[in-house]
């Protein structure tokens, strides 16, 4: 079962996890919004996007293994943003 609050760490560390998840979410929004709005991905390199996509995929798997909701949410947000940017990059190179 996935735990919302990690009882193995301090309350301060749990709060830091929540704040980190909020910052992760906030960090990705402007770039995703700009990419969707302009459909411009020429400034992104395939290697950087691939590394980001693989890295966030591994974090997602790790958070599932940990069964920690806060890490899982942060990992899902990062994975989704990497997926959107990567998909736009592939789409822009096809057309």
Protein backbone atom coordinates (compact mmCIF):
# COMPACT_ATOMS: atom_id res chain seq x y z
CA UNK A 1 0.00 0.00 0.00
CA UNK A 2 1.27 3.48 -0.85
CA UNK A 3 1.77 5.69 2.19
CA UNK A 4 0.91 9.38 2.10
CA UNK A 5 3.24 10.28 4.99
CA UNK A 6 6.56 8.51 5.49
CA UNK A 7 6.77 7.44 9.12
CA UNK A 8 10.43 6.46 8.73
CA UNK A 9 11.57 10.09 8.43
CA UNK A 10 10.92 13.22 10.45
CA UNK A 11 7.95 15.49 10.00
CA UNK A 12 10.34 18.17 8.73
CA UNK A 13 11.56 15.83 6.00
CA UNK A 14 7.97 15.01 5.02
CA UNK A 15 7.14 18.71 4.80
CA UNK A 16 10.27 19.24 2.71
CA UNK A 17 9.00 16.50 0.39
CA UNK A 18 5.69 18.30 -0.04
CA UNK A 19 7.44 21.61 -0.73
CA UNK A 20 9.79 19.86 -3.17
CA UNK A 21 6.85 18.34 -5.04
CA UNK A 22 5.20 21.77 -5.31
CA UNK A 23 8.43 23.33 -6.63
CA UNK A 24 8.89 20.45 -9.08
CA UNK A 25 5.40 21.01 -10.40
CA UNK A 26 5.85 24.79 -10.56
CA UNK A 27 9.24 24.50 -12.25
CA UNK A 28 7.92 22.51 -15.19
CA UNK A 29 4.77 24.48 -15.95
CA UNK A 30 6.29 27.52 -17.72
CA UNK A 31 8.37 25.39 -20.09
CA UNK A 32 5.51 23.07 -20.93
CA UNK A 33 3.14 26.00 -21.44
CA UNK A 34 5.62 27.80 -23.74
CA UNK A 35 6.27 24.62 -25.74
CA UNK A 36 2.57 23.90 -26.20
CA UNK A 37 1.79 27.51 -27.05
CA UNK A 38 4.63 28.09 -29.54
CA UNK A 39 5.11 24.48 -30.63
CA UNK A 40 8.79 25.37 -30.71
CA UNK A 41 11.28 22.75 -29.61
CA UNK A 42 14.34 23.71 -31.65
CA UNK A 43 16.20 24.78 -28.49
CA UNK A 44 15.90 21.29 -26.98
CA UNK A 45 18.50 18.67 -27.81
CA UNK A 46 17.45 15.05 -28.19
CA UNK A 47 20.21 13.94 -25.84
CA UNK A 48 19.08 16.28 -23.05
CA UNK A 49 15.44 15.26 -23.45
CA UNK A 50 16.37 11.58 -23.59
CA UNK A 51 18.43 11.86 -20.40
CA UNK A 52 15.59 13.71 -18.68
CA UNK A 53 13.03 11.14 -19.82
CA UNK A 54 15.16 8.16 -18.73
CA UNK A 55 16.05 9.83 -15.43
CA UNK A 56 12.45 10.64 -14.56
CA UNK A 57 11.38 7.14 -15.59
CA UNK A 58 13.89 5.66 -13.14
CA UNK A 59 12.72 8.02 -10.37
CA UNK A 60 9.15 6.94 -11.08
CA UNK A 61 10.08 3.26 -10.74
CA UNK A 62 12.02 4.02 -7.54
CA UNK A 63 9.07 5.88 -6.02
CA UNK A 64 6.80 2.94 -6.80
CA UNK A 65 9.32 0.65 -5.09
CA UNK A 66 9.41 2.96 -2.04
CA UNK A 67 5.60 3.12 -1.93
CA UNK A 68 5.91 6.76 -0.89
CA UNK A 69 3.09 8.97 -2.15
CA UNK A 70 5.01 12.26 -1.99
CA UNK A 71 7.94 10.94 -4.00
CA UNK A 72 5.52 9.22 -6.39
CA UNK A 73 3.60 12.44 -7.10
CA UNK A 74 6.80 14.39 -7.70
CA UNK A 75 8.11 11.63 -9.97
CA UNK A 76 4.84 11.48 -11.92
CA UNK A 77 4.90 15.23 -12.50
CA UNK A 78 8.51 15.12 -13.68
CA UNK A 79 7.81 12.11 -15.90
CA UNK A 80 4.74 13.77 -17.43
CA UNK A 81 6.61 17.00 -18.20
CA UNK A 82 9.52 15.09 -19.73
CA UNK A 83 7.09 13.03 -21.79
CA UNK A 84 5.24 16.12 -23.09
CA UNK A 85 8.46 17.89 -24.09
CA UNK A 86 9.89 14.74 -25.69
CA UNK A 87 6.65 14.12 -27.61
CA UNK A 88 6.61 17.70 -28.90
CA UNK A 89 10.25 17.38 -29.97
CA UNK A 90 9.52 14.19 -31.92
CA UNK A 91 6.37 15.69 -33.44
CA UNK A 92 8.18 18.86 -34.53
CA UNK A 93 10.93 16.86 -36.21
CA UNK A 94 8.38 14.85 -38.20
CA UNK A 95 6.61 17.88 -39.67
